[in-house]
N, C-alpha and C. Protein backbone atom coordinates (compact mmCIF):
# COMPACT_ATOMS: atom_id res chain seq x y z
N MET A 1 16.17 -5.06 -34.07
CA MET A 1 14.98 -4.21 -34.04
C MET A 1 14.94 -3.66 -32.79
N SER A 2 14.12 -2.15 -33.05
CA SER A 2 14.08 -1.66 -31.60
C SER A 2 13.51 -2.39 -30.32
N ASN A 3 13.27 -1.79 -29.36
CA ASN A 3 12.61 -2.06 -28.51
C ASN A 3 11.48 -0.75 -27.58
N ILE A 4 11.55 0.14 -28.68
CA ILE A 4 10.78 0.99 -28.53
C ILE A 4 9.51 1.34 -28.87
N PRO A 5 8.32 1.29 -28.20
CA PRO A 5 7.23 1.14 -28.51
C PRO A 5 6.88 1.62 -29.51
N GLU A 6 5.70 1.22 -30.62
CA GLU A 6 5.20 2.03 -31.58
C GLU A 6 4.15 2.86 -30.97
N TRP A 7 3.65 3.71 -31.99
CA TRP A 7 2.38 4.73 -31.61
C TRP A 7 1.11 3.67 -31.57
N ARG A 8 0.26 3.59 -30.84
CA ARG A 8 -1.03 3.36 -30.90
C ARG A 8 -2.14 3.91 -30.18
N ALA A 9 -3.30 3.45 -30.63
CA ALA A 9 -4.41 4.52 -30.22
C ALA A 9 -4.62 4.53 -28.67
N GLU A 10 -4.24 3.76 -27.81
CA GLU A 10 -4.36 3.62 -26.64
C GLU A 10 -3.45 4.40 -25.93
N LEU A 11 -2.03 5.13 -26.62
CA LEU A 11 -1.67 5.90 -25.98
C LEU A 11 -2.13 7.49 -26.36
N ALA A 12 -3.14 7.68 -26.91
CA ALA A 12 -3.84 8.90 -26.82
C ALA A 12 -4.06 10.05 -25.99
N THR A 13 -3.67 10.81 -25.56
CA THR A 13 -3.61 11.66 -24.36
C THR A 13 -5.16 12.37 -24.37
N GLY A 14 -5.75 12.76 -25.54
CA GLY A 14 -6.86 13.54 -25.95
C GLY A 14 -6.56 14.92 -25.98
N SER A 15 -5.03 15.41 -26.41
CA SER A 15 -4.45 16.47 -26.79
C SER A 15 -4.02 16.06 -28.21
N ALA A 16 -4.56 16.46 -28.89
CA ALA A 16 -4.13 16.42 -30.34
C ALA A 16 -2.65 16.89 -30.20
N GLU A 17 -2.16 17.79 -29.82
CA GLU A 17 -0.40 18.23 -30.04
C GLU A 17 0.20 17.49 -28.98
N ILE A 18 -0.53 16.99 -27.87
CA ILE A 18 0.64 16.06 -27.20
C ILE A 18 0.63 14.93 -28.04
N ASP A 19 -0.41 14.21 -28.53
CA ASP A 19 -0.43 13.05 -29.18
C ASP A 19 0.71 13.18 -30.37
N SER A 20 0.58 14.14 -31.22
CA SER A 20 1.20 14.59 -32.27
C SER A 20 2.99 14.45 -31.65
N GLN A 21 3.24 15.16 -30.70
CA GLN A 21 4.76 15.26 -30.24
C GLN A 21 5.07 13.93 -30.06
N HIS A 22 3.97 12.96 -28.84
CA HIS A 22 4.39 11.63 -28.64
C HIS A 22 4.79 10.80 -30.14
N ARG A 23 4.28 11.10 -30.83
CA ARG A 23 4.37 10.16 -31.96
C ARG A 23 5.25 10.61 -32.85
N HIS A 24 5.89 12.06 -32.92
CA HIS A 24 7.03 12.10 -33.46
C HIS A 24 8.37 11.61 -32.48
N LEU A 25 8.20 12.15 -31.20
CA LEU A 25 9.16 11.56 -30.53
C LEU A 25 9.34 9.85 -30.87
N LEU A 26 8.44 9.21 -30.47
CA LEU A 26 8.78 7.97 -30.41
C LEU A 26 9.24 7.43 -32.34
N GLU A 27 8.70 8.03 -32.99
CA GLU A 27 9.38 7.61 -34.77
C GLU A 27 11.01 7.90 -34.56
N LEU A 28 11.13 8.92 -33.84
CA LEU A 28 12.40 9.60 -34.01
C LEU A 28 13.44 8.57 -32.98
N ALA A 29 12.66 7.71 -32.01
CA ALA A 29 13.74 7.31 -30.69
C ALA A 29 13.60 5.92 -31.61
N ARG A 30 12.54 5.31 -32.16
CA ARG A 30 12.72 3.74 -33.15
C ARG A 30 13.85 4.26 -34.04
N LYS A 31 13.85 5.31 -34.63
CA LYS A 31 14.98 5.62 -35.70
C LYS A 31 16.37 5.53 -35.12
N VAL A 32 16.35 6.49 -34.16
CA VAL A 32 17.91 6.59 -33.79
C VAL A 32 18.15 4.87 -33.03
N VAL A 33 17.44 4.34 -32.27
CA VAL A 33 17.99 3.03 -31.74
C VAL A 33 18.13 2.06 -33.00
N ASP A 34 17.13 2.38 -33.78
CA ASP A 34 17.34 1.36 -35.15
C ASP A 34 18.81 1.80 -35.98
N SER A 35 19.24 2.85 -36.00
CA SER A 35 20.16 3.41 -36.89
C SER A 35 21.45 2.27 -36.02
N PHE A 36 21.43 2.65 -34.76
CA PHE A 36 22.57 1.90 -34.04
C PHE A 36 22.58 0.43 -34.13
N ASP A 37 21.45 -0.08 -34.57
CA ASP A 37 21.12 -1.57 -34.70
C ASP A 37 21.84 -2.22 -36.01
N THR A 38 21.62 -1.42 -36.90
CA THR A 38 21.61 -1.59 -38.28
C THR A 38 23.12 -1.15 -38.83
N ALA A 39 23.12 -0.04 -38.79
CA ALA A 39 24.18 0.45 -39.56
C ALA A 39 25.42 1.24 -38.51
N GLY A 40 25.20 1.39 -37.27
CA GLY A 40 25.75 2.09 -36.46
C GLY A 40 25.64 3.73 -36.98
N CYS A 41 26.48 4.29 -36.18
CA CYS A 41 26.45 5.74 -36.64
C CYS A 41 27.63 6.42 -36.54
N ASP A 42 28.01 7.55 -37.29
CA ASP A 42 29.47 8.04 -37.09
C ASP A 42 29.20 9.53 -35.94
N ARG A 43 30.11 10.18 -35.77
CA ARG A 43 29.84 10.89 -34.64
C ARG A 43 28.89 12.54 -35.56
N GLU A 44 28.95 12.74 -36.48
CA GLU A 44 27.99 13.64 -36.91
C GLU A 44 26.66 13.43 -36.95
N THR A 45 26.50 12.13 -37.39
CA THR A 45 25.18 11.15 -37.27
C THR A 45 24.39 11.33 -35.77
N PHE A 46 25.73 10.95 -34.80
CA PHE A 46 25.37 10.68 -33.05
C PHE A 46 24.39 12.33 -32.91
N HIS A 47 25.51 13.11 -33.23
CA HIS A 47 25.31 14.61 -32.72
C HIS A 47 23.82 14.96 -33.48
N TRP A 48 23.56 14.87 -34.53
CA TRP A 48 22.33 15.25 -34.91
C TRP A 48 21.12 14.84 -34.26
N HIS A 49 21.10 13.21 -34.26
CA HIS A 49 20.08 12.63 -33.40
C HIS A 49 19.81 13.24 -31.87
N LEU A 50 20.96 13.51 -31.35
CA LEU A 50 20.79 13.87 -30.04
C LEU A 50 20.31 15.25 -29.78
N ASN A 51 20.67 16.19 -30.58
CA ASN A 51 20.25 17.24 -30.87
C ASN A 51 19.08 17.66 -31.16
N GLU A 52 18.53 16.79 -31.98
CA GLU A 52 16.96 16.70 -32.83
C GLU A 52 16.15 16.26 -31.79
N LEU A 53 16.72 14.97 -30.60
CA LEU A 53 16.33 14.66 -29.23
C LEU A 53 15.67 16.13 -28.34
N ALA A 54 16.90 16.47 -28.26
CA ALA A 54 16.69 17.49 -27.07
C ALA A 54 16.44 18.53 -27.53
N VAL A 55 16.23 19.08 -28.78
CA VAL A 55 14.77 20.43 -29.32
C VAL A 55 13.72 19.60 -29.02
N LEU A 56 13.14 18.41 -29.45
CA LEU A 56 11.87 18.14 -29.49
C LEU A 56 11.18 17.53 -28.37
N ALA A 57 12.48 17.09 -27.63
CA ALA A 57 12.04 16.68 -26.29
C ALA A 57 11.45 17.89 -25.46
N ASP A 58 12.55 19.03 -25.41
CA ASP A 58 12.50 20.21 -24.67
C ASP A 58 10.89 20.85 -25.14
N GLU A 59 10.58 20.79 -26.52
CA GLU A 59 9.42 21.64 -26.90
C GLU A 59 8.17 20.70 -25.98
N HIS A 60 8.37 19.50 -26.65
CA HIS A 60 7.08 18.58 -25.70
C HIS A 60 7.06 18.83 -24.30
N PHE A 61 8.01 18.64 -23.81
CA PHE A 61 7.97 18.68 -22.18
C PHE A 61 7.40 20.45 -21.64
N ALA A 62 7.77 21.42 -22.47
CA ALA A 62 6.98 22.60 -22.01
C ALA A 62 5.74 22.61 -22.43
N THR A 63 5.06 22.02 -23.53
CA THR A 63 3.86 22.23 -23.88
C THR A 63 2.96 21.24 -22.85
N GLU A 64 3.80 19.92 -22.63
CA GLU A 64 3.10 19.20 -21.83
C GLU A 64 2.63 19.52 -20.48
N GLU A 65 3.93 20.20 -19.72
CA GLU A 65 3.96 20.94 -17.97
C GLU A 65 3.26 22.21 -18.35
N ALA A 66 2.48 22.73 -19.57
CA ALA A 66 1.96 24.05 -19.57
C ALA A 66 0.48 23.17 -19.53
N LEU A 67 -0.12 22.13 -20.23
CA LEU A 67 -1.56 21.95 -20.37
C LEU A 67 -1.59 21.05 -18.89
N LEU A 68 -0.66 20.42 -18.24
CA LEU A 68 -0.91 19.86 -16.88
C LEU A 68 -0.85 20.97 -15.79
N SER A 69 -0.35 21.96 -15.92
CA SER A 69 -0.48 23.39 -15.27
C SER A 69 -2.03 23.90 -15.17
N ALA A 70 -2.39 24.30 -16.65
CA ALA A 70 -3.67 24.49 -16.58
C ALA A 70 -4.54 23.75 -16.37
N HIS A 71 -4.72 22.33 -16.09
CA HIS A 71 -5.76 21.72 -15.55
C HIS A 71 -5.54 21.35 -13.87
N GLY A 72 -4.53 21.74 -13.21
CA GLY A 72 -4.16 21.36 -11.70
C GLY A 72 -3.82 19.86 -11.89
N ASP A 73 -3.29 19.54 -12.45
CA ASP A 73 -3.02 17.93 -12.37
C ASP A 73 -2.09 18.04 -10.96
N PRO A 74 -2.43 17.50 -9.96
CA PRO A 74 -1.70 17.05 -8.69
C PRO A 74 -0.48 16.46 -8.87
N LEU A 75 0.10 15.91 -10.06
CA LEU A 75 1.42 15.03 -9.89
C LEU A 75 2.31 15.96 -10.75
N LEU A 76 1.83 17.09 -11.26
CA LEU A 76 2.33 17.95 -11.81
C LEU A 76 4.00 18.03 -11.63
N SER A 77 4.15 18.08 -10.39
CA SER A 77 5.63 18.44 -10.05
C SER A 77 6.52 17.17 -9.90
N LYS A 78 5.97 15.99 -10.00
CA LYS A 78 6.33 14.79 -10.18
C LYS A 78 6.73 14.71 -11.42
N HIS A 79 5.97 14.85 -12.36
CA HIS A 79 6.02 15.08 -13.89
C HIS A 79 6.90 15.94 -14.43
N ARG A 80 7.22 17.16 -13.68
CA ARG A 80 8.12 18.12 -14.07
C ARG A 80 9.38 17.61 -13.77
N ALA A 81 9.41 17.04 -12.51
CA ALA A 81 11.14 16.62 -12.32
C ALA A 81 11.70 15.32 -13.04
N GLU A 82 10.36 14.20 -13.88
CA GLU A 82 11.14 13.40 -14.57
C GLU A 82 11.70 14.10 -15.87
N HIS A 83 10.72 15.11 -16.18
CA HIS A 83 11.16 15.89 -17.54
C HIS A 83 12.96 16.15 -17.36
N ASP A 84 12.74 17.07 -16.34
CA ASP A 84 14.05 17.83 -15.73
C ASP A 84 15.34 16.35 -15.79
N GLN A 85 14.83 15.51 -15.10
CA GLN A 85 15.84 14.46 -14.95
C GLN A 85 16.02 13.80 -16.38
N TYR A 86 15.15 13.94 -17.43
CA TYR A 86 15.18 13.27 -18.93
C TYR A 86 16.03 14.29 -19.42
N ARG A 87 15.93 15.68 -19.39
CA ARG A 87 16.75 16.53 -20.04
C ARG A 87 18.53 16.47 -19.49
N GLU A 88 18.36 16.77 -18.23
CA GLU A 88 19.66 16.43 -17.66
C GLU A 88 20.53 15.32 -17.97
N GLN A 89 19.64 14.00 -18.65
CA GLN A 89 20.74 12.79 -19.39
C GLN A 89 21.18 13.43 -20.71
N ILE A 90 20.20 13.75 -21.29
CA ILE A 90 20.46 13.97 -22.71
C ILE A 90 21.65 15.37 -22.78
N THR A 91 21.57 16.31 -21.79
CA THR A 91 22.70 17.19 -21.65
C THR A 91 23.69 16.40 -21.47
N GLY A 92 23.78 15.75 -20.76
CA GLY A 92 24.96 14.78 -20.46
C GLY A 92 25.49 13.84 -21.41
N LEU A 93 24.70 13.46 -22.04
CA LEU A 93 24.93 12.48 -23.28
C LEU A 93 25.50 13.59 -24.57
N LEU A 94 25.15 14.61 -24.53
CA LEU A 94 25.63 16.35 -25.31
C LEU A 94 27.05 16.33 -24.92
N MET A 95 27.21 16.40 -23.73
CA MET A 95 28.43 17.02 -23.27
C MET A 95 29.67 16.10 -23.44
N ALA A 96 28.95 14.59 -23.30
CA ALA A 96 30.24 13.67 -23.77
C ALA A 96 30.42 13.12 -24.91
N ALA A 97 29.36 13.49 -25.54
CA ALA A 97 29.96 13.43 -27.28
C ALA A 97 30.63 14.57 -27.63
N MET A 98 30.35 16.06 -27.09
CA MET A 98 31.57 17.16 -27.15
C MET A 98 33.03 16.46 -26.88
N ARG A 99 33.03 15.73 -25.91
CA ARG A 99 34.18 15.28 -25.62
C ARG A 99 34.94 14.26 -26.77
N GLY A 100 33.99 13.66 -27.44
CA GLY A 100 34.54 12.47 -28.14
C GLY A 100 33.99 11.05 -27.50
N LYS A 101 32.85 11.18 -26.43
CA LYS A 101 32.19 10.17 -26.13
C LYS A 101 30.89 9.76 -26.67
N LEU A 102 30.93 8.94 -27.70
CA LEU A 102 29.47 8.41 -28.37
C LEU A 102 28.88 7.46 -27.64
N ASP A 103 28.20 7.86 -26.57
CA ASP A 103 27.50 6.71 -25.59
C ASP A 103 26.32 6.43 -26.15
N ARG A 104 26.02 5.43 -27.12
CA ARG A 104 25.10 4.99 -28.06
C ARG A 104 24.49 3.78 -26.89
N ALA A 105 24.88 3.21 -26.20
CA ALA A 105 24.14 2.53 -25.18
C ALA A 105 23.35 3.14 -24.21
N GLY A 106 24.11 4.35 -24.01
CA GLY A 106 23.50 5.53 -22.80
C GLY A 106 22.12 5.92 -23.39
N LEU A 107 22.21 6.63 -24.58
CA LEU A 107 21.07 7.21 -25.49
C LEU A 107 20.28 5.91 -25.41
N CYS A 108 20.41 5.15 -26.04
CA CYS A 108 19.30 4.15 -26.10
C CYS A 108 18.64 3.64 -24.72
N GLN A 109 19.74 3.62 -23.62
CA GLN A 109 18.85 3.50 -22.06
C GLN A 109 17.88 4.54 -21.94
N VAL A 110 17.95 5.76 -22.55
CA VAL A 110 17.38 7.08 -22.10
C VAL A 110 16.02 7.12 -22.68
N LEU A 111 16.06 6.70 -23.83
CA LEU A 111 15.22 6.60 -24.66
C LEU A 111 14.18 5.43 -24.37
N HIS A 112 14.91 4.39 -24.04
CA HIS A 112 14.30 3.16 -23.41
C HIS A 112 12.96 3.53 -22.35
N ASP A 113 14.08 4.23 -21.40
CA ASP A 113 12.94 4.35 -20.00
C ASP A 113 12.34 5.45 -20.35
N TRP A 114 12.57 6.36 -21.15
CA TRP A 114 11.39 7.42 -21.34
C TRP A 114 10.21 6.99 -22.22
N THR A 115 10.58 5.83 -23.14
CA THR A 115 9.31 5.59 -23.61
C THR A 115 8.42 4.42 -22.93
N THR A 116 9.00 3.71 -22.10
CA THR A 116 8.52 2.61 -21.34
C THR A 116 8.07 2.97 -20.26
N HIS A 117 8.85 4.02 -19.82
CA HIS A 117 8.08 4.53 -18.26
C HIS A 117 7.55 5.67 -18.05
N HIS A 118 8.29 6.73 -18.73
CA HIS A 118 7.45 7.76 -18.65
C HIS A 118 5.85 8.21 -19.61
N LEU A 119 6.47 7.93 -20.70
CA LEU A 119 5.35 7.77 -21.73
C LEU A 119 3.87 6.78 -21.35
N LEU A 120 4.38 5.47 -20.70
CA LEU A 120 3.21 4.55 -20.80
C LEU A 120 2.85 4.63 -19.06
N GLU A 121 3.60 4.92 -18.17
CA GLU A 121 2.95 5.43 -17.12
C GLU A 121 2.83 6.63 -16.79
N THR A 122 3.53 7.40 -16.13
CA THR A 122 3.16 8.74 -15.77
C THR A 122 2.45 9.64 -16.81
N ASP A 123 2.86 9.50 -18.22
CA ASP A 123 1.72 10.42 -18.95
C ASP A 123 0.48 9.55 -19.11
N MET A 124 0.15 8.41 -18.77
CA MET A 124 -0.89 7.68 -18.93
C MET A 124 -1.66 8.01 -17.83
N GLY A 125 -0.85 8.32 -16.45
CA GLY A 125 -1.31 8.60 -15.43
C GLY A 125 -2.14 10.13 -15.54
N SER A 126 -1.36 11.03 -16.11
CA SER A 126 -1.65 12.23 -16.26
C SER A 126 -3.13 12.35 -17.17
N ARG A 127 -3.09 11.62 -18.08
CA ARG A 127 -4.15 11.34 -19.28
C ARG A 127 -5.78 11.03 -18.31
N GLN A 128 -5.16 10.25 -17.44
CA GLN A 128 -6.49 9.71 -16.67
C GLN A 128 -6.69 10.96 -15.98
N TYR A 129 -6.36 11.55 -15.37
CA TYR A 129 -6.65 12.79 -14.48
C TYR A 129 -7.13 13.44 -15.36
N LEU A 130 -6.93 14.12 -16.33
CA LEU A 130 -7.40 14.99 -17.31
C LEU A 130 -8.74 14.35 -17.93
N VAL A 131 -8.51 12.91 -18.22
CA VAL A 131 -10.20 12.57 -18.30
C VAL A 131 -11.33 12.61 -17.55
N GLU A 132 -10.85 12.31 -16.36
CA GLU A 132 -11.54 12.25 -15.19
C GLU A 132 -12.14 13.73 -14.71
N HIS A 133 -11.26 14.69 -14.79
CA HIS A 133 -11.62 15.74 -14.33
C HIS A 133 -11.51 17.04 -15.04
N HIS A 134 -11.72 16.71 -16.29
CA HIS A 134 -11.58 17.91 -17.32
C HIS A 134 -11.99 17.26 -18.71
N ALA A 135 -12.83 16.70 -18.75
CA ALA A 135 -13.40 16.11 -20.15
C ALA A 135 -14.13 17.07 -20.97
N PRO A 136 -13.80 17.11 -22.05
CA PRO A 136 -14.14 18.30 -22.90
C PRO A 136 -16.06 18.33 -22.92
């Protein structure tokens, strides 16, 4: 069973678009980790998972950074640096996979770190700023 958290109401950021992206990324992360736990996965499936995660994450990070920038979040540079770190990790996993190394444990670790640290701590810190300074 996956150690990736499920979506719950207290994860809502107040942005329907960001919340939808978070839900989708959490669902995909759980699906990926669960597929490794139950049936494993072949090279093609691993590549597919990585590519889908890379595309979704890149889209999400761009959306989130634009929102935070528009509202003057003082922690934007830290937030952006974390996004860049996750992009680099996913790119590294993709490059290794192209050389034949399917680092399932590495991918699970990146997903776990993103969902438990970035989503639950960094994103929630930005949510608090947006709620306090830019309430609708």
